[in-house]
């Protein structure tokens, strides 16, 4: 992922209730060196997802944990919920890259329990819920599932 990709992603705006996934402005993220605005984190954890025409269509964070790669991902808002199967293919491509980089790691992700569209997509891509818990979000405490990829 390049800095230019990060700037573009900060400009993406999801409609409610998915607006919880909106990033702060690039300037704010850069000022605090948050996530992909920090060059070290960006180069070690973040990947741009580019479509066949060369357009940025999403991103993936491959967060390293002991024996686990935790996925964070986002698809460009105008591509969400539009084409049947596009989200599943997107997630499978990210899993394939995570598996290529750390073949022995378990792969998991966290998803808000109310996000049924994402949960269905992740299930179709091979993930299943293994745990639930509450954690802080930009909008307060929320319930999450941890979903683990099953080959």
N, C-alpha and C. Protein backbone atom coordinates (compact mmCIF):
# COMPACT_ATOMS: atom_id res chain seq x y z
N UNK A 1 0.86 -1.18 0.00
CA UNK A 1 0.00 0.00 0.00
C UNK A 1 0.90 1.23 0.00
N UNK A 2 0.54 2.18 -0.84
CA UNK A 2 1.29 3.43 -0.90
C UNK A 2 0.59 4.49 -0.06
N UNK A 3 1.29 5.59 0.17
CA UNK A 3 0.68 6.71 0.88
C UNK A 3 -0.53 7.23 0.09
N UNK A 4 -0.42 7.25 -1.23
CA UNK A 4 -1.54 7.70 -2.07
C UNK A 4 -2.77 6.81 -1.87
N UNK A 5 -2.56 5.51 -1.77
CA UNK A 5 -3.67 4.60 -1.48
C UNK A 5 -4.32 4.96 -0.14
N UNK A 6 -3.48 5.23 0.86
CA UNK A 6 -4.00 5.60 2.18
C UNK A 6 -4.86 6.86 2.13
N UNK A 7 -4.40 7.85 1.37
CA UNK A 7 -5.17 9.09 1.23
C UNK A 7 -6.52 8.81 0.59
N UNK A 8 -6.53 7.97 -0.44
CA UNK A 8 -7.80 7.62 -1.11
C UNK A 8 -8.75 6.90 -0.14
N UNK A 9 -8.23 5.96 0.61
CA UNK A 9 -9.05 5.19 1.55
C UNK A 9 -9.67 6.11 2.60
N UNK A 10 -8.92 7.10 3.06
CA UNK A 10 -9.46 8.05 4.04
C UNK A 10 -10.62 8.85 3.47
N UNK A 11 -10.70 8.96 2.16
CA UNK A 11 -11.80 9.67 1.52
C UNK A 11 -13.03 8.83 1.27
N UNK A 12 -12.93 7.52 1.46
CA UNK A 12 -14.08 6.65 1.26
C UNK A 12 -15.11 6.91 2.35
N UNK A 13 -16.37 6.99 1.99
CA UNK A 13 -17.44 7.22 2.96
C UNK A 13 -18.51 6.16 2.80
N UNK A 14 -18.70 5.38 3.84
CA UNK A 14 -19.71 4.33 3.87
C UNK A 14 -21.01 4.90 4.42
N UNK A 15 -22.14 4.45 3.89
CA UNK A 15 -23.43 4.91 4.42
C UNK A 15 -23.71 4.25 5.77
N UNK A 16 -24.58 4.88 6.56
CA UNK A 16 -25.00 4.29 7.84
C UNK A 16 -25.69 2.95 7.55
N UNK A 17 -25.55 1.97 8.38
CA UNK A 17 -24.80 1.92 9.64
C UNK A 17 -23.32 1.59 9.45
N UNK A 18 -22.89 1.42 8.19
CA UNK A 18 -21.51 1.03 7.93
C UNK A 18 -20.53 2.18 8.08
N UNK A 19 -21.03 3.37 8.39
CA UNK A 19 -20.15 4.54 8.55
C UNK A 19 -19.18 4.38 9.72
N UNK A 20 -19.39 3.38 10.55
CA UNK A 20 -18.43 3.09 11.63
C UNK A 20 -17.07 2.71 11.04
N UNK A 21 -17.07 2.29 9.77
CA UNK A 21 -15.83 1.89 9.10
C UNK A 21 -15.12 3.05 8.41
N UNK A 22 -15.68 4.25 8.46
CA UNK A 22 -15.02 5.41 7.86
C UNK A 22 -13.75 5.74 8.65
N UNK A 23 -12.69 6.04 7.91
CA UNK A 23 -11.43 6.43 8.54
C UNK A 23 -11.44 7.92 8.82
N UNK A 24 -10.64 8.37 9.79
CA UNK A 24 -10.45 9.82 9.97
C UNK A 24 -9.80 10.41 8.72
N UNK A 25 -9.70 11.72 8.67
CA UNK A 25 -9.04 12.36 7.54
C UNK A 25 -7.57 11.92 7.49
N UNK A 26 -7.00 11.97 6.29
CA UNK A 26 -5.59 11.63 6.13
C UNK A 26 -4.72 12.53 7.00
N UNK A 27 -5.05 13.82 7.06
CA UNK A 27 -4.27 14.76 7.85
C UNK A 27 -4.25 14.36 9.33
N UNK A 28 -5.42 13.98 9.85
CA UNK A 28 -5.50 13.55 11.25
C UNK A 28 -4.71 12.26 11.47
N UNK A 29 -4.86 11.31 10.58
CA UNK A 29 -4.12 10.05 10.73
C UNK A 29 -2.62 10.29 10.63
N UNK A 30 -2.20 11.14 9.73
CA UNK A 30 -0.78 11.44 9.56
C UNK A 30 -0.23 12.14 10.79
N UNK A 31 -1.00 13.08 11.33
CA UNK A 31 -0.57 13.82 12.52
C UNK A 31 -0.32 12.87 13.70
N UNK A 32 -1.16 11.84 13.82
CA UNK A 32 -1.02 10.89 14.94
C UNK A 32 -0.29 9.61 14.54
N UNK A 33 0.16 9.55 13.29
CA UNK A 33 0.82 8.35 12.76
C UNK A 33 0.01 7.10 13.08
N UNK A 34 -1.27 7.16 12.77
CA UNK A 34 -2.18 6.04 13.02
C UNK A 34 -2.19 5.08 11.83
N UNK A 35 -2.22 3.80 12.14
CA UNK A 35 -2.43 2.74 11.16
C UNK A 35 -1.61 2.96 9.89
N UNK A 36 -2.25 2.99 8.73
CA UNK A 36 -1.50 3.07 7.47
C UNK A 36 -0.91 4.44 7.20
N UNK A 37 -1.12 5.42 8.07
CA UNK A 37 -0.43 6.71 7.96
C UNK A 37 0.98 6.62 8.53
N UNK A 38 1.27 5.59 9.29
CA UNK A 38 2.61 5.33 9.80
C UNK A 38 3.33 4.47 8.75
N UNK A 39 4.38 5.00 8.12
CA UNK A 39 5.05 4.26 7.04
C UNK A 39 5.52 2.86 7.44
N UNK A 40 5.95 2.69 8.70
CA UNK A 40 6.41 1.37 9.14
C UNK A 40 5.26 0.37 9.21
N UNK A 41 4.15 0.79 9.78
CA UNK A 41 2.98 -0.09 9.86
C UNK A 41 2.43 -0.36 8.46
N UNK A 42 2.36 0.69 7.65
CA UNK A 42 1.83 0.53 6.30
C UNK A 42 2.64 -0.50 5.52
N UNK A 43 3.96 -0.41 5.58
CA UNK A 43 4.79 -1.33 4.78
C UNK A 43 4.81 -2.74 5.33
N UNK A 44 4.61 -2.91 6.62
CA UNK A 44 4.69 -4.26 7.20
C UNK A 44 3.35 -4.97 7.31
N UNK A 45 2.23 -4.21 7.32
CA UNK A 45 0.93 -4.85 7.57
C UNK A 45 -0.12 -4.60 6.49
N UNK A 46 -0.05 -3.51 5.77
CA UNK A 46 -1.13 -3.12 4.87
C UNK A 46 -0.83 -3.44 3.42
N UNK A 47 -1.87 -3.85 2.70
CA UNK A 47 -1.76 -4.19 1.29
C UNK A 47 -2.93 -3.55 0.55
N UNK A 48 -2.64 -2.96 -0.59
CA UNK A 48 -3.70 -2.44 -1.45
C UNK A 48 -4.25 -3.59 -2.29
N UNK A 49 -5.54 -3.58 -2.53
CA UNK A 49 -6.17 -4.56 -3.42
C UNK A 49 -6.56 -3.78 -4.68
N UNK A 50 -5.94 -4.17 -5.78
CA UNK A 50 -6.10 -3.48 -7.06
C UNK A 50 -6.85 -4.41 -8.01
N UNK A 51 -7.85 -3.88 -8.71
CA UNK A 51 -8.61 -4.72 -9.65
C UNK A 51 -7.87 -4.83 -10.99
N UNK A 52 -8.45 -5.59 -11.93
CA UNK A 52 -7.82 -5.86 -13.23
C UNK A 52 -7.57 -4.60 -14.04
N UNK A 53 -8.36 -3.54 -13.79
CA UNK A 53 -8.16 -2.30 -14.53
C UNK A 53 -7.19 -1.35 -13.83
N UNK A 54 -6.62 -1.78 -12.70
CA UNK A 54 -5.64 -0.97 -11.98
C UNK A 54 -6.23 -0.04 -10.94
N UNK A 55 -7.54 -0.16 -10.68
CA UNK A 55 -8.20 0.71 -9.71
C UNK A 55 -8.09 0.11 -8.29
N UNK A 56 -7.86 0.99 -7.32
CA UNK A 56 -7.88 0.58 -5.91
C UNK A 56 -9.30 0.19 -5.55
N UNK A 57 -9.50 -1.07 -5.20
CA UNK A 57 -10.85 -1.52 -4.86
C UNK A 57 -10.98 -1.92 -3.39
N UNK A 58 -9.85 -1.94 -2.68
CA UNK A 58 -9.92 -2.29 -1.27
C UNK A 58 -8.53 -2.35 -0.66
N UNK A 59 -8.51 -2.78 0.59
CA UNK A 59 -7.24 -2.93 1.30
C UNK A 59 -7.35 -4.10 2.25
N UNK A 60 -6.19 -4.57 2.67
CA UNK A 60 -6.12 -5.61 3.69
C UNK A 60 -5.03 -5.27 4.67
N UNK A 61 -5.31 -5.51 5.94
CA UNK A 61 -4.28 -5.45 6.98
C UNK A 61 -4.05 -6.89 7.41
N UNK A 62 -2.81 -7.31 7.39
CA UNK A 62 -2.43 -8.63 7.88
C UNK A 62 -1.67 -8.40 9.17
N UNK A 63 -2.41 -8.45 10.28
CA UNK A 63 -1.86 -8.12 11.58
C UNK A 63 -1.25 -9.36 12.20
N UNK A 64 0.06 -9.34 12.48
CA UNK A 64 0.73 -10.52 13.01
C UNK A 64 0.50 -10.68 14.52
N UNK A 65 0.12 -11.89 14.88
CA UNK A 65 0.02 -12.28 16.29
C UNK A 65 0.76 -13.60 16.40
N UNK A 66 0.96 -14.10 17.58
CA UNK A 66 1.70 -15.34 17.76
C UNK A 66 0.91 -16.51 17.17
N UNK A 67 1.37 -17.03 16.03
CA UNK A 67 0.72 -18.16 15.39
C UNK A 67 -0.57 -17.83 14.65
N UNK A 68 -0.91 -16.54 14.58
CA UNK A 68 -2.17 -16.11 13.96
C UNK A 68 -1.90 -14.89 13.09
N UNK A 69 -2.54 -14.84 11.93
CA UNK A 69 -2.61 -13.62 11.15
C UNK A 69 -4.05 -13.14 11.24
N UNK A 70 -4.24 -11.98 11.83
CA UNK A 70 -5.59 -11.39 11.95
C UNK A 70 -5.80 -10.46 10.76
N UNK A 71 -6.88 -10.68 10.05
CA UNK A 71 -7.20 -9.86 8.90
C UNK A 71 -8.04 -8.67 9.30
N UNK A 72 -7.71 -7.54 8.72
CA UNK A 72 -8.56 -6.37 8.70
C UNK A 72 -8.73 -6.04 7.24
N UNK A 73 -9.90 -5.73 6.81
CA UNK A 73 -10.08 -5.49 5.38
C UNK A 73 -11.19 -4.49 5.14
N UNK A 74 -11.13 -3.89 3.98
CA UNK A 74 -12.15 -2.95 3.59
C UNK A 74 -12.26 -2.91 2.08
N UNK A 75 -13.49 -2.91 1.61
CA UNK A 75 -13.76 -2.79 0.19
C UNK A 75 -14.29 -1.39 -0.08
N UNK A 76 -13.91 -0.83 -1.21
CA UNK A 76 -14.38 0.49 -1.61
C UNK A 76 -15.90 0.54 -1.52
N UNK A 77 -16.46 1.58 -0.88
CA UNK A 77 -17.90 1.60 -0.61
C UNK A 77 -18.80 1.36 -1.82
N UNK A 78 -18.43 1.89 -2.99
CA UNK A 78 -19.31 1.72 -4.15
C UNK A 78 -19.27 0.31 -4.73
N UNK A 79 -18.43 -0.56 -4.16
CA UNK A 79 -18.36 -1.96 -4.59
C UNK A 79 -19.05 -2.90 -3.59
N UNK A 80 -19.42 -2.39 -2.44
CA UNK A 80 -20.03 -3.22 -1.40
C UNK A 80 -21.48 -3.53 -1.73
N UNK A 81 -21.84 -4.81 -1.61
CA UNK A 81 -23.23 -5.23 -1.77
C UNK A 81 -23.76 -5.08 -3.18
N UNK A 82 -22.90 -4.97 -4.17
CA UNK A 82 -23.34 -4.71 -5.54
C UNK A 82 -23.38 -5.96 -6.41
N UNK A 83 -22.25 -6.65 -6.51
CA UNK A 83 -22.13 -7.78 -7.43
C UNK A 83 -22.07 -9.08 -6.65
N UNK A 84 -22.96 -9.99 -6.97
CA UNK A 84 -23.03 -11.29 -6.28
C UNK A 84 -21.67 -11.99 -6.35
N UNK A 85 -21.12 -12.34 -5.21
CA UNK A 85 -19.88 -13.09 -5.15
C UNK A 85 -18.61 -12.25 -5.13
N UNK A 86 -18.71 -10.94 -5.39
CA UNK A 86 -17.51 -10.12 -5.43
C UNK A 86 -16.83 -10.04 -4.06
N UNK A 87 -17.62 -9.91 -3.01
CA UNK A 87 -17.05 -9.84 -1.67
C UNK A 87 -16.35 -11.13 -1.28
N UNK A 88 -16.95 -12.26 -1.63
CA UNK A 88 -16.35 -13.56 -1.30
C UNK A 88 -15.02 -13.71 -2.03
N UNK A 89 -14.98 -13.36 -3.31
CA UNK A 89 -13.73 -13.44 -4.08
C UNK A 89 -12.67 -12.50 -3.48
N UNK A 90 -13.09 -11.32 -3.06
CA UNK A 90 -12.20 -10.34 -2.43
C UNK A 90 -11.58 -10.94 -1.17
N UNK A 91 -12.40 -11.52 -0.30
CA UNK A 91 -11.91 -12.10 0.95
C UNK A 91 -11.00 -13.30 0.67
N UNK A 92 -11.39 -14.15 -0.27
CA UNK A 92 -10.55 -15.32 -0.60
C UNK A 92 -9.19 -14.91 -1.13
N UNK A 93 -9.12 -13.83 -1.91
CA UNK A 93 -7.83 -13.35 -2.41
C UNK A 93 -6.95 -12.88 -1.25
N UNK A 94 -7.54 -12.23 -0.26
CA UNK A 94 -6.79 -11.76 0.91
C UNK A 94 -6.31 -12.95 1.73
N UNK A 95 -7.16 -13.95 1.90
CA UNK A 95 -6.75 -15.17 2.62
C UNK A 95 -5.59 -15.84 1.90
N UNK A 96 -5.67 -15.91 0.58
CA UNK A 96 -4.61 -16.54 -0.20
C UNK A 96 -3.27 -15.82 0.02
N UNK A 97 -3.30 -14.49 0.06
CA UNK A 97 -2.07 -13.73 0.30
C UNK A 97 -1.56 -13.96 1.73
N UNK A 98 -2.46 -13.98 2.71
CA UNK A 98 -2.06 -14.24 4.09
C UNK A 98 -1.43 -15.63 4.21
N UNK A 99 -2.03 -16.61 3.54
CA UNK A 99 -1.51 -17.99 3.57
C UNK A 99 -0.14 -18.05 2.88
N UNK A 100 0.04 -17.30 1.78
CA UNK A 100 1.31 -17.28 1.08
C UNK A 100 2.42 -16.72 1.96
N UNK A 101 2.10 -15.67 2.72
CA UNK A 101 3.11 -15.01 3.55
C UNK A 101 3.43 -15.78 4.82
N UNK A 102 2.43 -16.41 5.42
CA UNK A 102 2.63 -17.16 6.68
C UNK A 102 1.79 -18.43 6.62
N UNK A 103 2.30 -19.44 5.92
CA UNK A 103 1.52 -20.63 5.62
C UNK A 103 1.08 -21.42 6.85
N UNK A 104 1.80 -21.31 7.94
CA UNK A 104 1.45 -22.09 9.14
C UNK A 104 0.52 -21.36 10.09
N UNK A 105 0.33 -20.07 9.89
CA UNK A 105 -0.52 -19.29 10.80
C UNK A 105 -2.00 -19.64 10.64
N UNK A 106 -2.72 -19.61 11.76
CA UNK A 106 -4.17 -19.60 11.71
C UNK A 106 -4.56 -18.21 11.18
N UNK A 107 -5.67 -18.13 10.47
CA UNK A 107 -6.14 -16.85 9.95
C UNK A 107 -7.49 -16.57 10.58
N UNK A 108 -7.63 -15.36 11.16
CA UNK A 108 -8.92 -15.00 11.73
C UNK A 108 -9.23 -13.54 11.44
N UNK A 109 -10.41 -13.13 11.83
CA UNK A 109 -10.83 -11.74 11.69
C UNK A 109 -11.89 -11.45 12.73
N UNK A 110 -12.14 -10.18 12.95
CA UNK A 110 -13.20 -9.74 13.85
C UNK A 110 -14.26 -9.03 13.03
N UNK A 111 -15.52 -9.25 13.40
CA UNK A 111 -16.63 -8.61 12.69
C UNK A 111 -17.70 -8.24 13.71
N UNK A 112 -18.28 -7.06 13.53
CA UNK A 112 -19.38 -6.64 14.39
C UNK A 112 -20.56 -7.61 14.22
N UNK A 113 -21.17 -8.01 15.31
CA UNK A 113 -22.22 -9.03 15.24
C UNK A 113 -23.44 -8.58 14.45
N UNK A 114 -23.66 -7.28 14.32
CA UNK A 114 -24.82 -6.79 13.56
C UNK A 114 -24.56 -6.77 12.05
N UNK A 115 -23.31 -6.94 11.64
CA UNK A 115 -22.96 -6.82 10.22
C UNK A 115 -23.20 -8.15 9.50
N UNK A 116 -24.47 -8.46 9.31
CA UNK A 116 -24.86 -9.74 8.72
C UNK A 116 -24.35 -9.91 7.29
N UNK A 117 -24.28 -8.82 6.54
CA UNK A 117 -23.77 -8.89 5.16
C UNK A 117 -22.32 -9.38 5.17
N UNK A 118 -21.48 -8.81 6.04
CA UNK A 118 -20.09 -9.23 6.12
C UNK A 118 -19.98 -10.66 6.65
N UNK A 119 -20.77 -11.00 7.65
CA UNK A 119 -20.72 -12.34 8.23
C UNK A 119 -21.05 -13.39 7.17
N UNK A 120 -22.07 -13.15 6.34
CA UNK A 120 -22.42 -14.08 5.26
C UNK A 120 -21.25 -14.21 4.27
N UNK A 121 -20.64 -13.08 3.92
CA UNK A 121 -19.51 -13.10 2.98
C UNK A 121 -18.36 -13.89 3.56
N UNK A 122 -18.02 -13.64 4.82
CA UNK A 122 -16.90 -14.35 5.45
C UNK A 122 -17.20 -15.85 5.55
N UNK A 123 -18.42 -16.22 5.86
CA UNK A 123 -18.79 -17.64 5.93
C UNK A 123 -18.63 -18.29 4.55
N UNK A 124 -19.07 -17.62 3.50
CA UNK A 124 -18.92 -18.16 2.13
C UNK A 124 -17.45 -18.30 1.75
N UNK A 125 -16.59 -17.47 2.33
CA UNK A 125 -15.15 -17.52 2.05
C UNK A 125 -14.43 -18.56 2.90
N UNK A 126 -15.13 -19.20 3.85
CA UNK A 126 -14.52 -20.26 4.64
C UNK A 126 -14.29 -19.95 6.11
N UNK A 127 -14.85 -18.86 6.61
CA UNK A 127 -14.69 -18.50 8.02
C UNK A 127 -15.89 -18.97 8.83
N UNK A 128 -15.64 -19.29 10.10
CA UNK A 128 -16.74 -19.60 11.01
C UNK A 128 -16.51 -18.93 12.35
N UNK A 129 -17.61 -18.49 13.00
CA UNK A 129 -17.46 -17.83 14.30
C UNK A 129 -16.98 -18.81 15.36
N UNK A 130 -16.03 -18.37 16.18
CA UNK A 130 -15.51 -19.22 17.25
C UNK A 130 -15.61 -18.57 18.61
N UNK A 131 -15.88 -17.26 18.64
CA UNK A 131 -15.92 -16.55 19.91
C UNK A 131 -16.72 -15.27 19.71
N UNK A 132 -17.24 -14.74 20.80
CA UNK A 132 -17.89 -13.43 20.77
C UNK A 132 -17.48 -12.66 22.01
N UNK A 133 -17.41 -11.35 21.87
CA UNK A 133 -16.95 -10.49 22.96
C UNK A 133 -17.28 -9.05 22.63
N UNK A 134 -17.12 -8.19 23.60
CA UNK A 134 -17.33 -6.75 23.40
C UNK A 134 -15.98 -6.06 23.39
N UNK A 135 -15.89 -5.02 22.55
CA UNK A 135 -14.68 -4.20 22.54
C UNK A 135 -15.05 -2.80 22.10
N UNK A 136 -14.14 -1.88 22.34
CA UNK A 136 -14.37 -0.47 22.04
C UNK A 136 -14.26 -0.22 20.54
N UNK A 137 -15.16 0.63 20.03
CA UNK A 137 -15.13 1.10 18.65
C UNK A 137 -15.18 2.63 18.70
N UNK A 138 -15.05 3.29 17.57
CA UNK A 138 -15.17 4.76 17.59
C UNK A 138 -16.54 5.24 18.08
N UNK A 139 -17.52 4.36 18.09
CA UNK A 139 -18.87 4.73 18.53
C UNK A 139 -19.24 4.11 19.88
N UNK A 140 -18.25 3.61 20.62
CA UNK A 140 -18.51 3.01 21.92
C UNK A 140 -18.34 1.50 21.90
N UNK A 141 -18.74 0.85 22.99
CA UNK A 141 -18.61 -0.60 23.10
C UNK A 141 -19.57 -1.28 22.13
N UNK A 142 -19.08 -2.33 21.47
CA UNK A 142 -19.90 -3.09 20.53
C UNK A 142 -19.54 -4.56 20.62
N UNK A 143 -20.49 -5.41 20.22
CA UNK A 143 -20.30 -6.86 20.23
C UNK A 143 -19.65 -7.31 18.92
N UNK A 144 -18.69 -8.20 19.04
CA UNK A 144 -17.94 -8.73 17.90
C UNK A 144 -17.95 -10.25 17.93
N UNK A 145 -17.80 -10.84 16.75
CA UNK A 145 -17.45 -12.25 16.61
C UNK A 145 -15.99 -12.31 16.16
N UNK A 146 -15.29 -13.31 16.65
CA UNK A 146 -14.02 -13.69 16.05
C UNK A 146 -14.37 -14.85 15.12
N UNK A 147 -13.98 -14.74 13.86
CA UNK A 147 -14.23 -15.81 12.89
C UNK A 147 -12.89 -16.35 12.41
N UNK A 148 -12.78 -17.68 12.38
CA UNK A 148 -11.54 -18.36 12.02
C UNK A 148 -11.71 -19.02 10.66
N UNK A 149 -10.67 -18.90 9.83
CA UNK A 149 -10.69 -19.53 8.51
C UNK A 149 -10.43 -21.02 8.65
N UNK A 150 -11.29 -21.79 8.00
CA UNK A 150 -11.15 -23.26 7.98
C UNK A 150 -10.87 -23.68 6.54
N UNK A 151 -9.68 -24.19 6.27
CA UNK A 151 -9.31 -24.60 4.90
C UNK A 151 -10.26 -25.66 4.40
